[in-house]
Protein backbone atom coordinates (compact mmCIF):
# COMPACT_ATOMS: atom_id res chain seq x y z
CA UNK A 1 0.00 0.00 0.00
CA UNK A 2 1.18 3.54 -0.72
CA UNK A 3 2.16 5.56 2.31
CA UNK A 4 -0.27 8.44 2.95
CA UNK A 5 0.34 11.26 5.42
CA UNK A 6 -1.66 14.46 5.79
CA UNK A 7 -0.09 17.89 6.20
CA UNK A 8 -1.12 21.54 6.25
CA UNK A 9 -2.75 23.10 3.16
CA UNK A 10 -3.98 26.60 2.50
CA UNK A 11 -7.01 26.56 0.20
CA UNK A 12 -7.68 29.83 -1.59
CA UNK A 13 -10.48 30.96 -3.89
CA UNK A 14 -8.12 32.80 -6.24
CA UNK A 15 -5.48 31.65 -8.69
CA UNK A 16 -2.24 30.28 -7.28
CA UNK A 17 -0.02 33.10 -6.12
CA UNK A 18 -2.60 35.60 -7.46
CA UNK A 19 -1.02 35.25 -10.93
CA UNK A 20 -3.72 35.28 -13.56
CA UNK A 21 -1.28 34.13 -16.23
CA UNK A 22 -0.41 31.05 -14.19
CA UNK A 23 -1.49 27.55 -15.19
CA UNK A 24 -1.46 24.40 -13.05
CA UNK A 25 -1.38 20.99 -14.71
CA UNK A 26 -2.11 17.84 -12.70
CA UNK A 27 -2.71 14.13 -13.25
CA UNK A 28 -5.88 12.53 -11.87
CA UNK A 29 -5.39 8.96 -10.70
CA UNK A 30 -8.13 6.34 -10.87
CA UNK A 31 -8.36 6.28 -7.09
CA UNK A 32 -9.53 9.92 -7.03
CA UNK A 33 -6.23 11.51 -5.98
CA UNK A 34 -5.10 14.57 -7.92
CA UNK A 35 -1.30 14.76 -8.35
CA UNK A 36 0.00 18.25 -9.28
CA UNK A 37 2.57 17.91 -12.04
CA UNK A 38 3.81 21.38 -12.91
CA UNK A 39 3.06 25.11 -12.77
CA UNK A 40 3.41 27.64 -15.62
CA UNK A 41 4.28 31.08 -14.21
CA UNK A 42 3.92 33.07 -17.43
CA UNK A 43 7.41 32.36 -18.75
CA UNK A 44 8.08 28.66 -18.14
CA UNK A 45 7.12 25.44 -16.38
CA UNK A 46 8.29 24.27 -12.97
CA UNK A 47 7.78 20.72 -11.74
CA UNK A 48 5.79 20.52 -8.51
CA UNK A 49 8.24 20.07 -5.65
CA UNK A 50 7.61 18.22 -2.39
CA UNK A 51 7.02 20.92 0.25
CA UNK A 52 8.27 20.79 3.79
CA UNK A 53 5.79 19.56 6.36
CA UNK A 54 3.54 22.15 8.01
CA UNK A 55 4.21 24.64 5.21
CA UNK A 56 0.97 26.06 3.76
CA UNK A 57 0.53 25.66 0.01
CA UNK A 58 -1.54 28.23 -1.89
CA UNK A 59 -3.82 26.15 -4.08
CA UNK A 60 -7.12 26.99 -5.72
CA UNK A 61 -9.91 24.61 -4.77
CA UNK A 62 -11.62 24.30 -8.19
CA UNK A 63 -10.04 22.45 -11.11
CA UNK A 64 -11.25 21.66 -14.62
CA UNK A 65 -10.98 17.91 -15.21
CA UNK A 66 -10.53 16.25 -18.61
CA UNK A 67 -11.10 12.49 -18.19
CA UNK A 68 -9.53 10.01 -20.57
CA UNK A 69 -13.07 9.31 -21.78
CA UNK A 70 -16.35 11.09 -21.10
CA UNK A 71 -17.35 14.71 -20.56
CA UNK A 72 -15.05 17.29 -18.98
CA UNK A 73 -16.25 18.86 -15.74
CA UNK A 74 -15.28 20.83 -12.64
CA UNK A 75 -13.87 19.04 -9.60
CA UNK A 76 -12.81 20.22 -6.17
CA UNK A 77 -9.74 19.27 -4.16
CA UNK A 78 -9.72 18.65 -0.43
CA UNK A 79 -7.30 17.09 2.02
CA UNK A 80 -3.64 16.89 0.89
CA UNK A 81 -1.73 13.65 1.30
CA UNK A 82 1.83 12.43 0.80
CA UNK A 83 2.08 9.49 -1.58
CA UNK A 84 4.50 7.49 -3.65
CA UNK A 85 3.80 9.51 -6.74
CA UNK A 86 5.61 8.25 -9.82
CA UNK A 87 7.80 5.15 -9.60
CA UNK A 88 7.96 5.34 -5.80
CA UNK A 89 8.96 9.03 -5.87
CA UNK A 90 7.48 10.88 -2.86
CA UNK A 91 4.96 13.50 -3.89
CA UNK A 92 1.91 15.52 -2.92
CA UNK A 93 -1.62 14.55 -3.94
CA UNK A 94 -5.07 15.81 -3.03
CA UNK A 95 -8.27 14.00 -2.24
CA UNK A 96 -11.01 15.12 -4.66
CA UNK A 97 -14.73 14.71 -5.24
CA UNK A 98 -13.99 12.56 -8.31
CA UNK A 99 -15.68 9.18 -8.03
CA UNK A 100 -12.76 6.77 -7.57
CA UNK A 101 -12.62 3.80 -9.94
CA UNK A 102 -9.93 1.82 -8.08
CA UNK A 103 -8.29 1.65 -4.66
CA UNK A 104 -4.77 2.70 -3.77
CA UNK A 105 -2.12 0.11 -4.63
CA UNK A 106 1.60 0.18 -5.29
CA UNK A 107 1.41 -0.92 -8.93
CA UNK A 108 3.29 1.08 -11.56
CA UNK A 109 2.31 2.58 -13.85
CA UNK A 110 -0.71 3.48 -11.73
CA UNK A 111 -4.04 3.70 -13.64
CA UNK A 112 -4.76 7.31 -14.62
CA UNK A 113 -8.18 8.94 -15.05
CA UNK A 114 -7.10 12.04 -16.97
CA UNK A 115 -5.70 15.56 -16.66
CA UNK A 116 -6.85 18.46 -14.48
CA UNK A 117 -6.06 22.12 -15.16
CA UNK A 118 -6.27 25.56 -13.60
CA UNK A 119 -5.70 28.85 -15.37
CA UNK A 120 -6.00 30.17 -18.91
CA UNK A 121 -5.19 27.31 -21.29
CA UNK A 122 -6.81 25.19 -23.98
CA UNK A 123 -6.70 21.41 -24.02
CA UNK A 124 -7.38 18.75 -26.64
CA UNK A 125 -7.42 15.08 -25.68
CA UNK A 126 -5.54 12.32 -27.47
CA UNK A 127 -7.98 9.45 -27.93
CA UNK A 128 -7.59 5.85 -29.17
CA UNK A 129 -8.04 5.65 -32.93
CA UNK A 130 -10.99 3.56 -34.11
CA UNK A 131 -9.35 0.69 -36.02
CA UNK A 132 -12.65 -0.13 -37.77
CA UNK A 133 -12.69 3.15 -39.69
CA UNK A 134 -11.35 3.29 -43.25
CA UNK A 135 -9.15 6.29 -42.46
CA UNK A 136 -7.50 4.37 -39.61
CA UNK A 137 -6.87 1.44 -41.95
CA UNK A 138 -5.08 3.83 -44.30
CA UNK A 139 -3.13 5.28 -41.40
CA UNK A 140 -2.01 1.81 -40.32
CA UNK A 141 -0.97 0.97 -43.88
CA UNK A 142 1.21 4.09 -43.94
CA UNK A 143 2.73 3.33 -40.52
CA UNK A 144 3.41 -0.34 -41.31
CA UNK A 145 5.24 0.60 -44.52
CA UNK A 146 7.34 3.13 -42.60
CA UNK A 147 8.01 0.44 -39.97
CA UNK A 148 9.29 -1.97 -42.61
CA UNK A 149 11.49 0.70 -44.18
CA UNK A 150 13.05 1.55 -40.79
CA UNK A 151 13.62 -2.14 -40.07
CA UNK A 152 15.38 -2.62 -43.39
CA UNK A 153 17.82 0.16 -42.55
CA UNK A 154 18.33 -1.07 -38.98
CA UNK A 155 18.91 -4.70 -39.93
CA UNK A 156 21.65 -3.63 -42.33
CA UNK A 157 23.69 -2.83 -39.20
CA UNK A 158 24.65 -6.20 -37.71
CA UNK A 159 25.96 -4.57 -34.54
CA UNK A 160 22.47 -3.17 -33.95
CA UNK A 161 20.72 -6.52 -34.30
CA UNK A 162 23.16 -9.11 -32.91
CA UNK A 163 22.28 -8.63 -29.25
CA UNK A 164 18.64 -9.65 -29.62
CA UNK A 165 18.47 -11.42 -32.97
CA UNK A 166 21.77 -13.26 -33.20
CA UNK A 167 21.94 -12.39 -36.89
CA UNK A 168 19.72 -10.00 -38.86
CA UNK A 169 16.50 -11.89 -39.72
CA UNK A 170 16.14 -13.13 -43.26
CA UNK A 171 13.49 -11.81 -45.64
CA UNK A 172 11.46 -14.99 -45.10
CA UNK A 173 11.65 -14.66 -41.34
CA UNK A 174 10.60 -11.01 -41.51
CA UNK A 175 7.56 -11.97 -43.57
CA UNK A 176 6.48 -14.36 -40.80
CA UNK A 177 6.96 -11.80 -38.01
CA UNK A 178 3.80 -11.07 -36.03
CA UNK A 179 2.66 -7.46 -36.28
CA UNK A 180 0.84 -6.03 -33.25
CA UNK A 181 -0.66 -2.58 -32.67
CA UNK A 182 0.27 -1.68 -29.10
CA UNK A 183 -1.00 1.90 -29.11
CA UNK A 184 -2.57 4.20 -31.67
CA UNK A 185 -3.92 7.60 -30.60
CA UNK A 186 -5.15 10.62 -32.51
CA UNK A 187 -6.05 14.18 -31.56
CA UNK A 188 -9.75 14.42 -30.72
CA UNK A 189 -10.96 17.49 -32.61
CA UNK A 190 -8.58 17.93 -35.54
CA UNK A 191 -9.53 17.80 -39.21
CA UNK A 192 -8.50 14.72 -41.20
CA UNK A 193 -5.48 16.41 -42.77
CA UNK A 194 -4.28 18.02 -39.53
CA UNK A 195 -4.52 15.16 -37.09
CA UNK A 196 -1.81 14.42 -34.56
CA UNK A 197 -0.96 10.77 -33.93
CA UNK A 198 0.96 8.77 -31.38
CA UNK A 199 1.80 5.16 -32.24
CA UNK A 200 3.56 2.07 -30.93
CA UNK A 201 3.78 -0.91 -33.30
CA UNK A 202 5.70 -4.12 -32.65
CA UNK A 203 6.82 -7.09 -34.71
CA UNK A 204 7.52 -10.36 -32.87
CA UNK A 205 10.27 -12.69 -34.07
CA UNK A 206 10.53 -16.26 -32.67
CA UNK A 207 13.96 -16.62 -31.08
CA UNK A 208 15.10 -19.46 -28.80
CA UNK A 209 12.38 -19.99 -26.18
CA UNK A 210 10.69 -16.60 -26.52
CA UNK A 211 10.38 -13.72 -28.98
CA UNK A 212 12.69 -10.96 -29.99
CA UNK A 213 10.77 -7.74 -30.52
CA UNK A 214 11.13 -4.83 -32.90
CA UNK A 215 9.19 -1.68 -31.94
CA UNK A 216 8.41 1.38 -34.05
CA UNK A 217 7.08 4.26 -31.97
CA UNK A 218 6.67 8.00 -32.19
CA UNK A 219 4.59 11.01 -33.14
CA UNK A 220 3.32 12.18 -36.51
CA UNK A 221 0.94 14.73 -37.98
CA UNK A 222 -0.92 15.14 -41.24
CA UNK A 223 -3.33 12.97 -43.21
CA UNK A 224 -3.47 9.15 -42.97
CA UNK A 225 -1.81 8.87 -46.40
CA UNK A 226 0.88 11.48 -45.86
CA UNK A 227 2.49 11.79 -42.43
CA UNK A 228 5.19 14.07 -41.09
CA UNK A 229 7.09 12.33 -38.31
CA UNK A 230 8.27 14.78 -35.67
CA UNK A 231 9.61 12.09 -33.37
CA UNK A 232 10.20 8.41 -34.11
CA UNK A 233 12.30 5.52 -32.84
CA UNK A 234 13.01 1.96 -33.89
CA UNK A 235 14.21 -0.21 -31.00
CA UNK A 236 14.93 -3.89 -30.48
CA UNK A 237 14.33 -5.90 -27.33
CA UNK A 238 13.90 -9.35 -25.88
CA UNK A 239 10.64 -11.05 -24.92
CA UNK A 240 10.62 -9.21 -21.58
CA UNK A 241 10.81 -5.86 -23.32
CA UNK A 242 14.37 -5.12 -22.23
CA UNK A 243 16.04 -2.91 -24.81
CA UNK A 244 12.84 -1.46 -26.22
CA UNK A 245 12.14 2.26 -26.15
CA UNK A 246 9.89 3.71 -23.46
CA UNK A 247 6.18 3.15 -23.79
CA UNK A 248 4.09 6.27 -23.42
CA UNK A 249 0.53 7.26 -22.55
CA UNK A 250 -0.43 10.51 -24.35
CA UNK A 251 -3.14 12.37 -22.43
CA UNK A 252 -3.58 15.46 -24.56
CA UNK A 253 -2.33 18.62 -26.23
CA UNK A 254 -2.13 21.67 -23.96
CA UNK A 255 -1.86 25.19 -25.42
CA UNK A 256 -0.62 28.01 -23.17
CA UNK A 257 0.14 31.50 -24.54
CA UNK A 258 0.28 30.07 -28.06
CA UNK A 259 2.83 27.40 -27.15
CA UNK A 260 1.89 23.73 -27.53
CA UNK A 261 2.67 20.98 -25.03
CA UNK A 262 1.82 17.29 -24.74
CA UNK A 263 0.97 15.95 -21.29
CA UNK A 264 2.19 12.35 -21.14
CA UNK A 265 3.00 9.47 -18.82
CA UNK A 266 6.23 7.63 -19.65
CA UNK A 267 6.95 4.04 -18.62
CA UNK A 268 10.39 2.72 -19.62
CA UNK A 269 11.54 -0.85 -18.90
CA UNK A 270 11.74 0.09 -15.22
CA UNK A 271 10.05 3.08 -13.59
CA UNK A 272 7.41 5.65 -14.52
CA UNK A 273 7.00 9.41 -14.57
CA UNK A 274 4.60 12.01 -15.91
CA UNK A 275 6.00 14.95 -17.84
CA UNK A 276 5.28 17.72 -20.33
CA UNK A 277 6.74 17.70 -23.84
CA UNK A 278 7.02 21.00 -25.68
CA UNK A 279 6.14 20.76 -29.40
CA UNK A 280 8.14 23.33 -31.33
CA UNK A 281 9.49 23.35 -34.89
CA UNK A 282 8.42 19.70 -35.37
CA UNK A 283 10.51 18.64 -32.37
CA UNK A 284 9.53 17.41 -28.91
CA UNK A 285 11.48 18.59 -25.87
CA UNK A 286 10.95 17.15 -22.40
CA UNK A 287 10.77 20.30 -20.28
CA UNK A 288 10.33 18.36 -17.02
CA UNK A 289 12.97 15.60 -17.29
CA UNK A 290 12.97 12.94 -14.58
CA UNK A 291 15.31 13.69 -11.70
């Protein structure tokens, strides 16, 4: 069970620090605890730090909550608690009036309910793509072809493949590889030619007593037939996932003062943390790197 301790909190009815340009971003867990992630002070983001005990924290009571699915709505925070926040990192959370879906456990990554915000900002959710739609079928066709092209280049480097494959797989073996769609998200309210996508595709190769895995993951924008990749990675791993790139849960696109940010939860082979990625000039920058 996660350790929970209460400490002093100052609830205010105004924006944090009386700064109207300020924006709070928090993660809502499935157990109804709100975990503040970071604060935008008008010029940049600061990760929420663990305060000293008995130190009042100025925090507005009302938050706007965007669930992973369902209608957005207002929620209120209450008693503060100390928890194991991300990957057993101590952190502050707040009890809310959100109807909890699960109880507190020490599993990681912990199930998330969505994102909560305070301040002047716009937010667009990333939602699972409907694989039954024709446009999604075209999108998958485009991604699979890109996956194969990246594999061809990677397998030409024997040093890259030897660790997990022994030798680069033959053409026949590649044809028998099992393709799986691990994750496929799209922006909720974009037009067909301006969608944003996040994807994780894997191909499984029988090897010894398990599978070696090739994973193609990243971000892209555009139409299903013509994508611009602004971050992508091809990684190789064993059947336990060791060696593969980090898996990621994209919550949504946050716009503050004209700047665009993705709120995400990252789960590498070991560990977990939530962060904010700035999207600028077709590049993603983690502005809250893990400590």
